[in-house]
Amino acid sequence: MKTLVEVFRSPKEAGMYLYVKRAEGLERVPEDLLKRFGKPQSAMILALTPERKLARTSAERVLACLDEPGYYLQLPPGPEADAEAANIHGHNSKLGH
């Protein structure tokens, strides 16, 4: 089963994204979160299935969050993720230096 999802980017913090069901829009996102997030900027609309590959989390997790609490907030990667990416980059000759 596909769920039509709209992804918004935060104008306040690079790498912060908010996923919501397209049909519901931002209606279930708490006001406090929207204040912290800033005025949401539409980044993309996608048909999400549990099998779909996402960069930082599983589609299953996003879909579960879209059911309850009604949104999924993707935060920017922390220092651990940056260090892991640098380590992978350093060991993969196809990525270049």
PDB file of N, CA and C in Angstrom:
ATOM      1  N   MET A   1       0.836  -1.189   0.000  1.00  0.00           N
ATOM      2  CA  MET A   1       0.000   0.000   0.000  1.00  0.00           C
ATOM      3  C   MET A   1       0.877   1.247   0.000  1.00  0.00           C
ATOM      4  N   LYS A   2       0.583   2.173  -0.889  1.00  0.00           N
ATOM      5  CA  LYS A   2       1.344   3.413  -0.992  1.00  0.00           C
ATOM      6  C   LYS A   2       0.655   4.512  -0.190  1.00  0.00           C
ATOM      7  N   THR A   3       1.473   5.335   0.428  1.00  0.00           N
ATOM      8  CA  THR A   3       0.978   6.518   1.125  1.00  0.00           C
ATOM      9  C   THR A   3       1.619   7.726   0.465  1.00  0.00           C
ATOM     10  N   LEU A   4       0.813   8.674   0.051  1.00  0.00           N
ATOM     11  CA  LEU A   4       1.329   9.896  -0.551  1.00  0.00           C
ATOM     12  C   LEU A   4       1.813  10.807   0.570  1.00  0.00           C
ATOM     13  N   VAL A   5       3.100  11.142   0.534  1.00  0.00           N
ATOM     14  CA  VAL A   5       3.758  11.883   1.602  1.00  0.00           C
ATOM     15  C   VAL A   5       4.323  13.183   1.048  1.00  0.00           C
ATOM     16  N   GLU A   6       4.162  14.264   1.814  1.00  0.00           N
ATOM     17  CA  GLU A   6       4.811  15.530   1.467  1.00  0.00           C
ATOM     18  C   GLU A   6       5.923  15.769   2.468  1.00  0.00           C
ATOM     19  N   VAL A   7       7.079  16.148   1.950  1.00  0.00           N
ATOM     20  CA  VAL A   7       8.246  16.403   2.774  1.00  0.00           C
ATOM     21  C   VAL A   7       8.531  17.904   2.728  1.00  0.00           C
ATOM     22  N   PHE A   8       8.659  18.500   3.922  1.00  0.00           N
ATOM     23  CA  PHE A   8       8.956  19.922   4.038  1.00  0.00           C
ATOM     24  C   PHE A   8      10.357  20.106   4.604  1.00  0.00           C
ATOM     25  N   ARG A   9      11.049  21.127   4.123  1.00  0.00           N
ATOM     26  CA  ARG A   9      12.369  21.473   4.656  1.00  0.00           C
ATOM     27  C   ARG A   9      12.209  22.671   5.582  1.00  0.00           C
ATOM     28  N   SER A  10      13.058  22.701   6.598  1.00  0.00           N
ATOM     29  CA  SER A  10      13.047  23.811   7.544  1.00  0.00           C
ATOM     30  C   SER A  10      13.915  24.951   7.025  1.00  0.00           C
ATOM     31  N   PRO A  11      13.401  26.182   7.067  1.00  0.00           N
ATOM     32  CA  PRO A  11      14.228  27.321   6.688  1.00  0.00           C
ATOM     33  C   PRO A  11      15.189  27.728   7.816  1.00  0.00           C
ATOM     34  N   LYS A  12      14.962  27.186   9.000  1.00  0.00           N
ATOM     35  CA  LYS A  12      15.765  27.559  10.164  1.00  0.00           C
ATOM     36  C   LYS A  12      16.994  26.677  10.375  1.00  0.00           C
ATOM     37  N   GLU A  13      16.905  25.398   9.968  1.00  0.00           N
ATOM     38  CA  GLU A  13      17.999  24.480  10.231  1.00  0.00           C
ATOM     39  C   GLU A  13      18.204  23.536   9.054  1.00  0.00           C
ATOM     40  N   ALA A  14      19.396  23.608   8.463  1.00  0.00           N
ATOM     41  CA  ALA A  14      19.725  22.748   7.330  1.00  0.00           C
ATOM     42  C   ALA A  14      19.655  21.286   7.752  1.00  0.00           C
ATOM     43  N   GLY A  15      19.076  20.468   6.915  1.00  0.00           N
ATOM     44  CA  GLY A  15      19.001  19.042   7.190  1.00  0.00           C
ATOM     45  C   GLY A  15      17.809  18.613   8.022  1.00  0.00           C
ATOM     46  N   MET A  16      16.949  19.551   8.411  1.00  0.00           N
ATOM     47  CA  MET A  16      15.751  19.215   9.180  1.00  0.00           C
ATOM     48  C   MET A  16      14.572  19.145   8.216  1.00  0.00           C
ATOM     49  N   TYR A  17      13.886  17.984   8.239  1.00  0.00           N
ATOM     50  CA  TYR A  17      12.754  17.759   7.342  1.00  0.00           C
ATOM     51  C   TYR A  17      11.569  17.226   8.123  1.00  0.00           C
ATOM     52  N   LEU A  18      10.382  17.565   7.651  1.00  0.00           N
ATOM     53  CA  LEU A  18       9.141  17.145   8.272  1.00  0.00           C
ATOM     54  C   LEU A  18       8.325  16.389   7.228  1.00  0.00           C
ATOM     55  N   TYR A  19       7.980  15.136   7.534  1.00  0.00           N
ATOM     56  CA  TYR A  19       7.191  14.286   6.651  1.00  0.00           C
ATOM     57  C   TYR A  19       5.760  14.251   7.175  1.00  0.00           C
ATOM     58  N   VAL A  20       4.786  14.440   6.289  1.00  0.00           N
ATOM     59  CA  VAL A  20       3.368  14.354   6.660  1.00  0.00           C
ATOM     60  C   VAL A  20       2.607  13.658   5.536  1.00  0.00           C
ATOM     61  N   LYS A  21       1.455  13.109   5.876  1.00  0.00           N
ATOM     62  CA  LYS A  21       0.588  12.563   4.830  1.00  0.00           C
ATOM     63  C   LYS A  21       0.086  13.733   3.992  1.00  0.00           C
ATOM     64  N   ARG A  22       0.173  13.608   2.703  1.00  0.00           N
ATOM     65  CA  ARG A  22      -0.231  14.686   1.784  1.00  0.00           C
ATOM     66  C   ARG A  22      -1.685  15.092   2.020  1.00  0.00           C
ATOM     67  N   ALA A  23      -2.550  14.123   2.262  1.00  0.00           N
ATOM     68  CA  ALA A  23      -3.975  14.402   2.440  1.00  0.00           C
ATOM     69  C   ALA A  23      -4.251  15.194   3.716  1.00  0.00           C
ATOM     70  N   GLU A  24      -3.406  15.038   4.739  1.00  0.00           N
ATOM     71  CA  GLU A  24      -3.613  15.731   6.020  1.00  0.00           C
ATOM     72  C   GLU A  24      -2.846  17.045   6.114  1.00  0.00           C
ATOM     73  N   GLY A  25      -1.801  17.177   5.353  1.00  0.00           N
ATOM     74  CA  GLY A  25      -0.977  18.369   5.440  1.00  0.00           C
ATOM     75  C   GLY A  25      -0.367  18.502   6.821  1.00  0.00           C
ATOM     76  N   LEU A  26      -0.288  19.710   7.309  1.00  0.00           N
ATOM     77  CA  LEU A  26       0.363  20.004   8.588  1.00  0.00           C
ATOM     78  C   LEU A  26      -0.601  20.027   9.769  1.00  0.00           C
ATOM     79  N   GLU A  27      -1.848  19.606   9.570  1.00  0.00           N
ATOM     80  CA  GLU A  27      -2.874  19.747  10.607  1.00  0.00           C
ATOM     81  C   GLU A  27      -2.565  19.003  11.905  1.00  0.00           C
ATOM     82  N   ARG A  28      -1.803  17.905  11.857  1.00  0.00           N
ATOM     83  CA  ARG A  28      -1.525  17.132  13.070  1.00  0.00           C
ATOM     84  C   ARG A  28      -0.169  17.479  13.702  1.00  0.00           C
ATOM     85  N   VAL A  29       0.570  18.401  13.094  1.00  0.00           N
ATOM     86  CA  VAL A  29       1.875  18.800  13.629  1.00  0.00           C
ATOM     87  C   VAL A  29       1.659  19.817  14.746  1.00  0.00           C
ATOM     88  N   PRO A  30       2.233  19.571  15.935  1.00  0.00           N
ATOM     89  CA  PRO A  30       2.043  20.512  17.056  1.00  0.00           C
ATOM     90  C   PRO A  30       2.566  21.912  16.736  1.00  0.00           C
ATOM     91  N   GLU A  31       1.859  22.902  17.233  1.00  0.00           N
ATOM     92  CA  GLU A  31       2.210  24.301  16.993  1.00  0.00           C
ATOM     93  C   GLU A  31       3.630  24.620  17.475  1.00  0.00           C
ATOM     94  N   ASP A  32       4.016  24.073  18.633  1.00  0.00           N
ATOM     95  CA  ASP A  32       5.363  24.318  19.165  1.00  0.00           C
ATOM     96  C   ASP A  32       6.439  23.823  18.204  1.00  0.00           C
ATOM     97  N   LEU A  33       6.197  22.676  17.594  1.00  0.00           N
ATOM     98  CA  LEU A  33       7.157  22.131  16.636  1.00  0.00           C
ATOM     99  C   LEU A  33       7.238  23.017  15.396  1.00  0.00           C
ATOM    100  N   LEU A  34       6.109  23.494  14.929  1.00  0.00           N
ATOM    101  CA  LEU A  34       6.109  24.363  13.752  1.00  0.00           C
ATOM    102  C   LEU A  34       6.846  25.672  14.027  1.00  0.00           C
ATOM    103  N   LYS A  35       6.752  26.187  15.250  1.00  0.00           N
ATOM    104  CA  LYS A  35       7.488  27.406  15.605  1.00  0.00           C
ATOM    105  C   LYS A  35       8.989  27.160  15.553  1.00  0.00           C
ATOM    106  N   ARG A  36       9.415  26.014  16.085  1.00  0.00           N
ATOM    107  CA  ARG A  36      10.842  25.668  16.070  1.00  0.00           C
ATOM    108  C   ARG A  36      11.314  25.400  14.638  1.00  0.00           C
ATOM    109  N   PHE A  37      10.462  24.742  13.849  1.00  0.00           N
ATOM    110  CA  PHE A  37      10.788  24.347  12.480  1.00  0.00           C
ATOM    111  C   PHE A  37      10.890  25.546  11.549  1.00  0.00           C
ATOM    112  N   GLY A  38      10.038  26.546  11.767  1.00  0.00           N
ATOM    113  CA  GLY A  38       9.958  27.688  10.861  1.00  0.00           C
ATOM    114  C   GLY A  38       8.893  27.432   9.806  1.00  0.00           C
ATOM    115  N   LYS A  39       8.701  28.376   8.905  1.00  0.00           N
ATOM    116  CA  LYS A  39       7.672  28.228   7.861  1.00  0.00           C
ATOM    117  C   LYS A  39       8.080  27.092   6.925  1.00  0.00           C
ATOM    118  N   PRO A  40       7.329  25.977   6.946  1.00  0.00           N
ATOM    119  CA  PRO A  40       7.698  24.812   6.142  1.00  0.00           C
ATOM    120  C   PRO A  40       7.760  25.130   4.652  1.00  0.00           C
ATOM    121  N   GLN A  41       8.828  24.658   4.016  1.00  0.00           N
ATOM    122  CA  GLN A  41       9.012  24.832   2.581  1.00  0.00           C
ATOM    123  C   GLN A  41       8.898  23.453   1.927  1.00  0.00           C
ATOM    124  N   SER A  42       7.938  23.298   1.037  1.00  0.00           N
ATOM    125  CA  SER A  42       7.728  22.003   0.386  1.00  0.00           C
ATOM    126  C   SER A  42       8.979  21.603  -0.394  1.00  0.00           C
ATOM    127  N   ALA A  43       9.487  20.397  -0.105  1.00  0.00           N
ATOM    128  CA  ALA A  43      10.692  19.907  -0.763  1.00  0.00           C
ATOM    129  C   ALA A  43      10.363  18.849  -1.813  1.00  0.00           C
ATOM    130  N   MET A  44       9.393  17.972  -1.491  1.00  0.00           N
ATOM    131  CA  MET A  44       9.011  16.934  -2.445  1.00  0.00           C
ATOM    132  C   MET A  44       7.743  16.236  -2.001  1.00  0.00           C
ATOM    133  N   ILE A  45       7.149  15.546  -2.949  1.00  0.00           N
ATOM    134  CA  ILE A  45       6.003  14.679  -2.691  1.00  0.00           C
ATOM    135  C   ILE A  45       6.411  13.307  -3.213  1.00  0.00           C
ATOM    136  N   LEU A  46       6.186  12.276  -2.396  1.00  0.00           N
ATOM    137  CA  LEU A  46       6.566  10.940  -2.826  1.00  0.00           C
ATOM    138  C   LEU A  46       5.550   9.906  -2.393  1.00  0.00           C
ATOM    139  N   ALA A  47       5.480   8.828  -3.167  1.00  0.00           N
ATOM    140  CA  ALA A  47       4.629   7.691  -2.823  1.00  0.00           C
ATOM    141  C   ALA A  47       5.493   6.757  -1.987  1.00  0.00           C
ATOM    142  N   LEU A  48       5.150   6.621  -0.716  1.00  0.00           N
ATOM    143  CA  LEU A  48       5.973   5.855   0.211  1.00  0.00           C
ATOM    144  C   LEU A  48       5.354   4.490   0.473  1.00  0.00           C
ATOM    145  N   THR A  49       6.169   3.454   0.313  1.00  0.00           N
ATOM    146  CA  THR A  49       5.784   2.086   0.640  1.00  0.00           C
ATOM    147  C   THR A  49       6.773   1.581   1.683  1.00  0.00           C
ATOM    148  N   PRO A  50       6.417   0.555   2.450  1.00  0.00           N
ATOM    149  CA  PRO A  50       7.331   0.032   3.467  1.00  0.00           C
ATOM    150  C   PRO A  50       8.667  -0.446   2.889  1.00  0.00           C
ATOM    151  N   GLU A  51       8.684  -0.827   1.623  1.00  0.00           N
ATOM    152  CA  GLU A  51       9.899  -1.347   0.999  1.00  0.00           C
ATOM    153  C   GLU A  51      10.834  -0.261   0.484  1.00  0.00           C
ATOM    154  N   ARG A  52      10.350   0.949   0.370  1.00  0.00           N
ATOM    155  CA  ARG A  52      11.149   2.024  -0.218  1.00  0.00           C
ATOM    156  C   ARG A  52      12.374   2.334   0.632  1.00  0.00           C
ATOM    157  N   LYS A  53      13.484   2.564  -0.021  1.00  0.00           N
ATOM    158  CA  LYS A  53      14.730   2.907   0.666  1.00  0.00           C
ATOM    159  C   LYS A  53      14.779   4.416   0.900  1.00  0.00           C
ATOM    160  N   LEU A  54      15.096   4.802   2.135  1.00  0.00           N
ATOM    161  CA  LEU A  54      15.298   6.201   2.481  1.00  0.00           C
ATOM    162  C   LEU A  54      16.717   6.355   3.014  1.00  0.00           C
ATOM    163  N   ALA A  55      17.245   7.567   2.965  1.00  0.00           N
ATOM    164  CA  ALA A  55      18.643   7.797   3.318  1.00  0.00           C
ATOM    165  C   ALA A  55      18.946   7.596   4.802  1.00  0.00           C
ATOM    166  N   ARG A  56      18.114   8.111   5.699  1.00  0.00           N
ATOM    167  CA  ARG A  56      18.484   8.123   7.112  1.00  0.00           C
ATOM    168  C   ARG A  56      17.619   7.290   8.038  1.00  0.00           C
ATOM    169  N   THR A  57      16.549   6.724   7.532  1.00  0.00           N
ATOM    170  CA  THR A  57      15.658   5.918   8.365  1.00  0.00           C
ATOM    171  C   THR A  57      14.927   4.932   7.480  1.00  0.00           C
ATOM    172  N   SER A  58      14.132   4.089   8.082  1.00  0.00           N
ATOM    173  CA  SER A  58      13.358   3.139   7.274  1.00  0.00           C
ATOM    174  C   SER A  58      12.002   3.739   6.913  1.00  0.00           C
ATOM    175  N   ALA A  59      11.499   3.343   5.776  1.00  0.00           N
ATOM    176  CA  ALA A  59      10.169   3.789   5.359  1.00  0.00           C
ATOM    177  C   ALA A  59       9.117   3.282   6.347  1.00  0.00           C
ATOM    178  N   GLU A  60       9.336   2.095   6.899  1.00  0.00           N
ATOM    179  CA  GLU A  60       8.396   1.549   7.886  1.00  0.00           C
ATOM    180  C   GLU A  60       8.270   2.472   9.096  1.00  0.00           C
ATOM    181  N   ARG A  61       9.398   2.994   9.553  1.00  0.00           N
ATOM    182  CA  ARG A  61       9.375   3.908  10.711  1.00  0.00           C
ATOM    183  C   ARG A  61       8.619   5.193  10.371  1.00  0.00           C
ATOM    184  N   VAL A  62       8.889   5.746   9.204  1.00  0.00           N
ATOM    185  CA  VAL A  62       8.196   6.970   8.787  1.00  0.00           C
ATOM    186  C   VAL A  62       6.692   6.712   8.707  1.00  0.00           C
ATOM    187  N   LEU A  63       6.302   5.611   8.078  1.00  0.00           N
ATOM    188  CA  LEU A  63       4.876   5.306   7.938  1.00  0.00           C
ATOM    189  C   LEU A  63       4.207   5.113   9.295  1.00  0.00           C
ATOM    190  N   ALA A  64       4.893   4.469  10.225  1.00  0.00           N
ATOM    191  CA  ALA A  64       4.329   4.291  11.567  1.00  0.00           C
ATOM    192  C   ALA A  64       4.126   5.643  12.251  1.00  0.00           C
ATOM    193  N   CYS A  65       5.090   6.543  12.101  1.00  0.00           N
ATOM    194  CA  CYS A  65       4.965   7.873  12.709  1.00  0.00           C
ATOM    195  C   CYS A  65       3.866   8.699  12.040  1.00  0.00           C
ATOM    196  N   LEU A  66       3.647   8.477  10.742  1.00  0.00           N
ATOM    197  CA  LEU A  66       2.585   9.213  10.052  1.00  0.00           C
ATOM    198  C   LEU A  66       1.213   8.794  10.563  1.00  0.00           C
ATOM    199  N   ASP A  67       1.104   7.548  11.026  1.00  0.00           N
ATOM    200  CA  ASP A  67      -0.153   7.105  11.626  1.00  0.00           C
ATOM    201  C   ASP A  67      -0.307   7.708  13.026  1.00  0.00           C
ATOM    202  N   GLU A  68       0.733   7.643  13.820  1.00  0.00           N
ATOM    203  CA  GLU A  68       0.699   8.202  15.177  1.00  0.00           C
ATOM    204  C   GLU A  68       2.103   8.584  15.577  1.00  0.00           C
ATOM    205  N   PRO A  69       2.409   9.835  15.729  1.00  0.00           N
ATOM    206  CA  PRO A  69       1.584  10.978  16.069  1.00  0.00           C
ATOM    207  C   PRO A  69       1.031  11.783  14.893  1.00  0.00           C
ATOM    208  N   GLY A  70       1.368  11.401  13.653  1.00  0.00           N
ATOM    209  CA  GLY A  70       0.828  12.122  12.509  1.00  0.00           C
ATOM    210  C   GLY A  70       1.882  12.853  11.696  1.00  0.00           C
ATOM    211  N   TYR A  71       3.155  12.701  12.059  1.00  0.00           N
ATOM    212  CA  TYR A  71       4.248  13.347  11.343  1.00  0.00           C
ATOM    213  C   TYR A  71       5.547  12.623  11.697  1.00  0.00           C
ATOM    214  N   TYR A  72       6.568  12.825  10.877  1.00  0.00           N
ATOM    215  CA  TYR A  72       7.899  12.308  11.162  1.00  0.00           C
ATOM    216  C   TYR A  72       8.864  13.465  11.008  1.00  0.00           C
ATOM    217  N   LEU A  73       9.657  13.732  12.033  1.00  0.00           N
ATOM    218  CA  LEU A  73      10.649  14.809  11.996  1.00  0.00           C
ATOM    219  C   LEU A  73      12.026  14.195  11.808  1.00  0.00           C
ATOM    220  N   GLN A  74      12.676  14.567  10.717  1.00  0.00           N
ATOM    221  CA  GLN A  74      14.046  14.118  10.461  1.00  0.00           C
ATOM    222  C   GLN A  74      14.985  15.237  10.863  1.00  0.00           C
ATOM    223  N   LEU A  75      15.835  14.963  11.838  1.00  0.00           N
ATOM    224  CA  LEU A  75      16.797  15.949  12.318  1.00  0.00           C
ATOM    225  C   LEU A  75      18.088  15.850  11.519  1.00  0.00           C
ATOM    226  N   PRO A  76      18.867  16.932  11.496  1.00  0.00           N
ATOM    227  CA  PRO A  76      20.153  16.875  10.807  1.00  0.00           C
ATOM    228  C   PRO A  76      21.046  15.821  11.466  1.00  0.00           C
ATOM    229  N   PRO A  77      21.929  15.221  10.689  1.00  0.00           N
ATOM    230  CA  PRO A  77      22.826  14.239  11.289  1.00  0.00           C
ATOM    231  C   PRO A  77      23.741  14.901  12.315  1.00  0.00           C
ATOM    232  N   GLY A  78      24.033  14.162  13.377  1.00  0.00           N
ATOM    233  CA  GLY A  78      24.908  14.673  14.422  1.00  0.00           C
ATOM    234  C   GLY A  78      26.362  14.361  14.113  1.00  0.00           C
ATOM    235  N   PRO A  79      27.258  14.681  15.028  1.00  0.00           N
ATOM    236  CA  PRO A  79      28.689  14.432  14.834  1.00  0.00           C
ATOM    237  C   PRO A  79      29.010  12.956  14.587  1.00  0.00           C
ATOM    238  N   GLU A  80      28.229  12.044  15.209  1.00  0.00           N
ATOM    239  CA  GLU A  80      28.476  10.621  15.008  1.00  0.00           C
ATOM    240  C   GLU A  80      28.248  10.247  13.549  1.00  0.00           C
ATOM    241  N   ALA A  81      27.177  10.753  12.955  1.00  0.00           N
ATOM    242  CA  ALA A  81      26.874  10.449  11.560  1.00  0.00           C
ATOM    243  C   ALA A  81      27.925  11.054  10.638  1.00  0.00           C
ATOM    244  N   ASP A  82      28.398  12.269  10.954  1.00  0.00           N
ATOM    245  CA  ASP A  82      29.435  12.904  10.147  1.00  0.00           C
ATOM    246  C   ASP A  82      30.725  12.093  10.207  1.00  0.00           C
ATOM    247  N   ALA A  83      31.095  11.600  11.396  1.00  0.00           N
ATOM    248  CA  ALA A  83      32.310  10.811  11.562  1.00  0.00           C
ATOM    249  C   ALA A  83      32.192   9.491  10.804  1.00  0.00           C
ATOM    250  N   GLU A  84      31.013   8.860  10.875  1.00  0.00           N
ATOM    251  CA  GLU A  84      30.794   7.598  10.166  1.00  0.00           C
ATOM    252  C   GLU A  84      30.889   7.807   8.661  1.00  0.00           C
ATOM    253  N   ALA A  85      30.313   8.889   8.161  1.00  0.00           N
ATOM    254  CA  ALA A  85      30.372   9.182   6.730  1.00  0.00           C
ATOM    255  C   ALA A  85      31.819   9.426   6.298  1.00  0.00           C
ATOM    256  N   ALA A  86      32.588  10.129   7.115  1.00  0.00           N
ATOM    257  CA  ALA A  86      33.997  10.388   6.801  1.00  0.00           C
ATOM    258  C   ALA A  86      34.784   9.081   6.786  1.00  0.00           C
ATOM    259  N   ASN A  87      34.489   8.181   7.708  1.00  0.00           N
ATOM    260  CA  ASN A  87      35.162   6.895   7.772  1.00  0.00           C
ATOM    261  C   ASN A  87      34.847   6.058   6.529  1.00  0.00           C
ATOM    262  N   ILE A  88      33.591   6.031   6.125  1.00  0.00           N
ATOM    263  CA  ILE A  88      33.191   5.290   4.926  1.00  0.00           C
ATOM    264  C   ILE A  88      33.853   5.902   3.703  1.00  0.00           C
ATOM    265  N   HIS A  89      33.844   7.226   3.624  1.00  0.00           N
ATOM    266  CA  HIS A  89      34.433   7.927   2.493  1.00  0.00           C
ATOM    267  C   HIS A  89      35.927   7.606   2.382  1.00  0.00           C
ATOM    268  N   GLY A  90      36.612   7.570   3.518  1.00  0.00           N
ATOM    269  CA  GLY A  90      38.046   7.295   3.529  1.00  0.00           C
ATOM    270  C   GLY A  90      38.396   5.888   3.094  1.00  0.00           C
ATOM    271  N   HIS A  91      37.471   4.942   3.237  1.00  0.00           N
ATOM    272  CA  HIS A  91      37.729   3.550   2.887  1.00  0.00           C
ATOM    273  C   HIS A  91      37.159   3.142   1.530  1.00  0.00           C
ATOM    274  N   ASN A  92      36.539   4.046   0.816  1.00  0.00           N
ATOM    275  CA  ASN A  92      35.920   3.719  -0.455  1.00  0.00           C
ATOM    276  C   ASN A  92      36.581   4.514  -1.552  1.00  0.00           C
ATOM    277  N   SER A  93      37.433   3.848  -2.334  1.00  0.00           N
ATOM    278  CA  SER A  93      38.185   4.534  -3.376  1.00  0.00           C
ATOM    279  C   SER A  93      37.289   5.084  -4.474  1.00  0.00           C
ATOM    280  N   LYS A  94      36.075   4.547  -4.646  1.00  0.00           N
ATOM    281  CA  LYS A  94      35.180   5.034  -5.690  1.00  0.00           C
ATOM    282  C   LYS A  94      34.607   6.402  -5.368  1.00  0.00           C
ATOM    283  N   LEU A  95      34.632   6.803  -4.087  1.00  0.00           N
ATOM    284  CA  LEU A  95      34.108   8.113  -3.714  1.00  0.00           C
ATOM    285  C   LEU A  95      35.099   9.231  -3.999  1.00  0.00           C
ATOM    286  N   GLY A  96      36.339   8.906  -4.241  1.00  0.00           N
ATOM    287  CA  GLY A  96      37.346   9.918  -4.510  1.00  0.00           C
ATOM    288  C   GLY A  96      37.820  10.595  -3.251  1.00  0.00           C
ATOM    289  N   HIS A  97      38.850  11.366  -3.343  1.00  0.00           N
ATOM    290  CA  HIS A  97      39.416  12.054  -2.154  1.00  0.00           C
ATOM    291  C   HIS A  97      39.485  13.532  -2.377  1.00  0.00           C
TER     292      HIS A  97
END
